[in-house]
N, C-alpha and C. Protein backbone atom coordinates (compact mmCIF):
# COMPACT_ATOMS: atom_id res chain seq x y z
N MET A 1 116.97 82.90 96.38
CA MET A 1 116.60 82.87 94.82
C MET A 1 117.42 83.61 94.20
N VAL A 2 117.80 84.86 94.53
CA VAL A 2 118.72 85.68 93.60
C VAL A 2 120.01 85.10 93.67
N THR A 3 120.50 84.66 94.85
CA THR A 3 121.90 84.02 94.68
C THR A 3 121.90 82.77 93.75
N ILE A 4 120.87 82.04 93.58
CA ILE A 4 120.76 80.84 92.94
C ILE A 4 120.76 81.44 91.33
N LEU A 5 119.92 82.28 91.10
CA LEU A 5 119.85 82.91 89.75
C LEU A 5 120.97 83.44 89.13
N GLN A 6 121.96 84.06 90.04
CA GLN A 6 122.97 84.66 89.66
C GLN A 6 124.01 83.68 89.05
N TYR A 7 123.81 82.48 89.39
CA TYR A 7 124.62 81.46 88.71
C TYR A 7 124.14 80.76 87.53
N THR A 8 122.93 81.03 87.20
CA THR A 8 122.36 80.32 86.03
C THR A 8 122.29 81.56 84.79
N PRO A 9 122.10 81.09 83.64
CA PRO A 9 121.85 81.92 82.51
C PRO A 9 120.73 82.77 82.54
N LEU A 10 119.69 82.34 83.38
CA LEU A 10 118.38 83.05 83.46
C LEU A 10 118.53 84.48 83.95
N MET A 11 119.34 84.71 84.96
CA MET A 11 119.50 86.06 85.46
C MET A 11 120.20 86.86 84.57
N GLY A 12 121.07 86.57 83.56
CA GLY A 12 121.68 87.15 82.50
C GLY A 12 120.54 87.50 81.47
N MET A 13 119.81 86.67 81.18
CA MET A 13 118.71 86.95 80.01
C MET A 13 117.91 87.82 80.68
N LEU A 14 117.42 87.82 81.89
CA LEU A 14 116.53 88.78 82.57
C LEU A 14 117.04 90.16 82.57
N ALA A 15 118.44 90.32 83.00
CA ALA A 15 119.06 91.56 83.09
C ALA A 15 119.14 92.23 81.72
N ALA A 16 119.62 91.29 80.67
CA ALA A 16 119.44 91.93 79.33
C ALA A 16 118.23 92.54 78.64
N ALA A 17 117.25 91.72 79.02
CA ALA A 17 115.89 92.12 78.72
C ALA A 17 115.49 93.50 79.43
N PHE A 18 115.68 93.62 80.57
CA PHE A 18 115.20 95.00 81.28
C PHE A 18 116.20 95.97 81.28
N GLN A 19 117.49 95.72 80.82
CA GLN A 19 118.57 96.78 80.88
C GLN A 19 118.27 98.08 80.12
N PRO A 20 117.61 98.09 78.98
CA PRO A 20 117.34 99.64 78.33
C PRO A 20 116.61 100.38 79.32
N VAL A 21 115.38 99.75 79.87
CA VAL A 21 114.46 100.45 80.76
C VAL A 21 115.01 101.00 81.95
N LEU A 22 115.68 99.91 82.53
CA LEU A 22 116.16 100.30 83.87
C LEU A 22 117.47 101.16 83.75
N GLY A 23 118.14 101.18 82.62
CA GLY A 23 119.36 102.10 82.44
C GLY A 23 118.97 103.52 82.44
N LEU A 24 117.63 103.72 81.96
CA LEU A 24 117.18 105.15 82.10
C LEU A 24 117.21 105.75 83.56
N PHE A 25 117.00 104.81 84.42
CA PHE A 25 117.15 105.16 86.05
C PHE A 25 118.38 104.97 86.67
N GLY A 26 119.63 104.64 85.78
CA GLY A 26 120.76 104.43 86.40
C GLY A 26 120.96 102.91 87.12
N LEU A 27 120.13 102.20 86.76
CA LEU A 27 120.23 100.81 87.46
C LEU A 27 120.68 99.67 86.51
N PRO A 28 121.21 98.66 86.95
CA PRO A 28 121.51 97.54 86.14
C PRO A 28 120.43 96.77 86.05
N GLY A 29 120.42 95.99 84.99
CA GLY A 29 119.28 95.04 84.57
C GLY A 29 118.93 93.91 85.68
N GLU A 30 119.88 93.73 86.59
CA GLU A 30 119.76 92.54 87.62
C GLU A 30 118.62 93.03 88.55
N THR A 31 118.47 94.40 88.65
CA THR A 31 117.51 94.83 89.59
C THR A 31 116.00 94.68 89.17
N ALA A 32 115.81 94.12 87.98
CA ALA A 32 114.38 93.96 87.53
C ALA A 32 113.75 93.00 88.33
N LEU A 33 114.17 92.01 88.80
CA LEU A 33 113.59 91.02 89.61
C LEU A 33 113.23 91.55 90.91
N ALA A 34 114.02 92.40 91.38
CA ALA A 34 113.68 93.03 92.84
C ALA A 34 112.48 94.01 92.63
N ILE A 35 112.48 94.80 91.55
CA ILE A 35 111.31 95.72 91.19
C ILE A 35 110.09 94.96 91.11
N VAL A 36 110.18 93.92 90.37
CA VAL A 36 108.89 92.96 90.04
C VAL A 36 108.54 92.52 91.31
N MET A 37 109.40 91.97 92.15
CA MET A 37 108.82 91.30 93.28
C MET A 37 108.16 92.68 94.42
N GLY A 38 108.76 93.74 94.21
CA GLY A 38 108.28 94.68 95.21
C GLY A 38 106.94 95.12 94.65
N VAL A 39 106.67 95.14 93.44
CA VAL A 39 105.43 95.65 92.75
C VAL A 39 104.14 94.65 93.08
N PHE A 40 104.61 93.41 92.44
CA PHE A 40 103.58 92.32 92.35
C PHE A 40 103.33 91.42 93.78
N VAL A 41 104.39 91.51 94.51
CA VAL A 41 104.38 90.68 95.74
C VAL A 41 104.09 91.51 96.91
N ASN A 42 105.28 92.11 97.32
CA ASN A 42 104.98 93.31 98.51
C ASN A 42 106.33 93.95 98.52
N LEU A 43 106.34 94.89 99.48
CA LEU A 43 107.46 95.74 99.49
C LEU A 43 108.77 94.82 100.18
N TYR A 44 108.32 94.14 101.05
CA TYR A 44 109.57 93.32 101.72
C TYR A 44 109.99 92.19 100.88
N ALA A 45 109.18 91.74 100.02
CA ALA A 45 109.86 90.91 98.94
C ALA A 45 110.82 91.43 98.08
N GLY A 46 110.50 92.66 97.83
CA GLY A 46 111.43 93.43 96.89
C GLY A 46 112.80 93.73 97.66
N ILE A 47 112.69 93.94 98.98
CA ILE A 47 113.59 94.40 99.75
C ILE A 47 114.52 93.07 100.04
N ALA A 48 113.92 91.99 100.04
CA ALA A 48 114.55 90.63 100.18
C ALA A 48 115.37 90.27 99.12
N VAL A 49 114.88 90.63 97.95
CA VAL A 49 115.66 90.40 96.47
C VAL A 49 116.80 91.33 96.38
N THR A 50 116.63 92.54 96.97
CA THR A 50 117.53 93.53 96.87
C THR A 50 119.09 93.37 97.64
N ILE A 51 118.73 92.60 98.70
CA ILE A 51 119.87 92.38 99.74
C ILE A 51 120.80 91.50 99.03
N PRO A 52 120.68 90.53 98.33
CA PRO A 52 121.83 89.72 97.78
C PRO A 52 122.69 90.54 96.77
N LEU A 53 121.84 91.37 96.11
CA LEU A 53 122.40 92.32 95.05
C LEU A 53 123.27 93.22 95.74
N ILE A 54 123.01 93.68 96.91
CA ILE A 54 123.91 94.80 97.58
C ILE A 54 125.15 93.93 98.19
N ASN A 55 124.80 92.76 98.54
CA ASN A 55 125.91 92.11 99.28
C ASN A 55 126.96 91.64 98.16
N SER A 56 126.54 91.40 96.95
CA SER A 56 127.51 90.73 95.97
C SER A 56 128.27 92.05 95.34
N GLY A 57 128.02 93.15 95.77
CA GLY A 57 128.62 94.46 95.17
C GLY A 57 128.05 94.88 93.87
N LEU A 58 127.07 94.38 93.41
CA LEU A 58 126.35 94.83 92.23
C LEU A 58 125.95 96.25 92.15
N LEU A 59 125.42 96.68 93.38
CA LEU A 59 124.81 97.93 93.37
C LEU A 59 125.61 98.99 94.29
N SER A 60 125.65 100.18 94.01
CA SER A 60 126.18 101.27 94.67
C SER A 60 125.26 101.86 95.48
N VAL A 61 125.85 102.66 96.43
CA VAL A 61 124.88 103.49 97.35
C VAL A 61 123.77 104.38 96.54
N LYS A 62 124.21 104.91 95.52
CA LYS A 62 123.16 105.63 94.65
C LYS A 62 122.20 104.79 93.94
N GLN A 63 122.48 103.65 93.57
CA GLN A 63 121.48 102.67 93.05
C GLN A 63 120.50 102.27 94.07
N VAL A 64 120.98 101.88 95.41
CA VAL A 64 120.11 101.37 96.21
C VAL A 64 119.17 102.45 96.68
N THR A 65 119.69 103.84 96.77
CA THR A 65 118.66 104.90 96.96
C THR A 65 117.65 104.98 95.91
N ILE A 66 118.04 104.81 94.70
CA ILE A 66 117.13 104.93 93.51
C ILE A 66 115.96 103.79 93.60
N ILE A 67 116.43 102.57 94.14
CA ILE A 67 115.62 101.53 94.16
C ILE A 67 114.66 101.52 95.24
N ALA A 68 115.13 102.21 96.63
CA ALA A 68 114.36 102.66 97.59
C ALA A 68 113.22 103.60 97.21
N VAL A 69 113.70 104.87 96.49
CA VAL A 69 112.65 105.64 96.22
C VAL A 69 111.55 104.99 95.23
N ILE A 70 111.94 104.06 94.39
CA ILE A 70 110.90 103.55 93.40
C ILE A 70 109.98 102.66 94.26
N PHE A 71 110.63 101.82 95.10
CA PHE A 71 109.79 100.96 96.30
C PHE A 71 108.87 101.88 97.13
N ALA A 72 109.25 102.99 97.48
CA ALA A 72 108.36 103.78 98.49
C ALA A 72 107.24 104.45 97.58
N VAL A 73 107.60 104.73 96.30
CA VAL A 73 106.52 105.42 95.30
C VAL A 73 105.49 104.42 95.01
N ILE A 74 105.99 103.29 94.68
CA ILE A 74 105.15 102.10 94.38
C ILE A 74 104.25 101.87 95.47
N ASN A 75 104.73 101.51 96.43
CA ASN A 75 104.12 101.09 97.77
C ASN A 75 102.97 102.26 98.20
N ASN A 76 103.33 103.37 97.98
CA ASN A 76 102.37 104.61 98.35
C ASN A 76 101.36 104.51 97.39
N MET A 77 101.55 104.34 96.24
CA MET A 77 100.62 104.38 95.21
C MET A 77 99.42 103.18 95.37
N LEU A 78 100.14 101.98 95.80
CA LEU A 78 99.21 100.92 95.80
C LEU A 78 98.23 101.08 97.08
N HIS A 79 98.86 101.67 98.17
CA HIS A 79 98.10 101.89 99.48
C HIS A 79 97.06 102.76 99.09
N TYR A 80 97.45 103.98 98.40
CA TYR A 80 96.42 105.02 98.11
C TYR A 80 95.32 104.56 97.12
N ARG A 81 95.57 103.59 96.29
CA ARG A 81 94.46 103.04 95.45
C ARG A 81 93.44 102.16 96.11
N LYS A 82 94.01 101.58 97.20
CA LYS A 82 93.11 100.78 98.06
C LYS A 82 92.12 101.55 98.95
N GLN A 83 92.37 102.84 99.23
CA GLN A 83 91.51 103.67 100.12
C GLN A 83 90.30 103.99 99.39
N LYS A 84 89.35 104.17 100.19
CA LYS A 84 88.07 104.52 99.74
C LYS A 84 88.13 106.07 99.50
N PRO A 85 87.41 106.39 98.23
CA PRO A 85 87.51 107.89 97.89
C PRO A 85 86.76 108.90 98.98
N LEU A 86 87.21 110.04 99.15
CA LEU A 86 86.69 111.05 100.08
C LEU A 86 85.32 111.37 99.64
N PRO A 87 84.35 111.68 100.67
CA PRO A 87 82.99 111.98 100.02
C PRO A 87 83.23 113.68 99.46
N ARG A 88 82.37 113.83 98.58
CA ARG A 88 82.49 115.28 98.00
C ARG A 88 81.33 115.92 98.51
N TYR A 89 81.60 117.32 99.28
CA TYR A 89 80.69 118.12 99.60
C TYR A 89 80.53 119.23 98.71
N ARG A 90 79.29 119.78 98.43
CA ARG A 90 79.10 120.84 97.67
C ARG A 90 78.79 122.09 98.31
């Protein structure tokens, strides 16, 4: 999917829209699709979208590490939210 999107203007528009926010983290705008898939679908979908970005040379090792940390934090937050609250003892 990402490989196809890279050859269409849609990926450029998506990258331009998310570049200001992702630039704060040192990431290019093209990683927006990977982060969205990682948050709303699951962790493995986010990784699957990240692989073509790595293979195309778009991401450095530093940027891949930043994406991995974002995926880990978001995945942990989603699992924590699904747990039942602990009982409170007085």
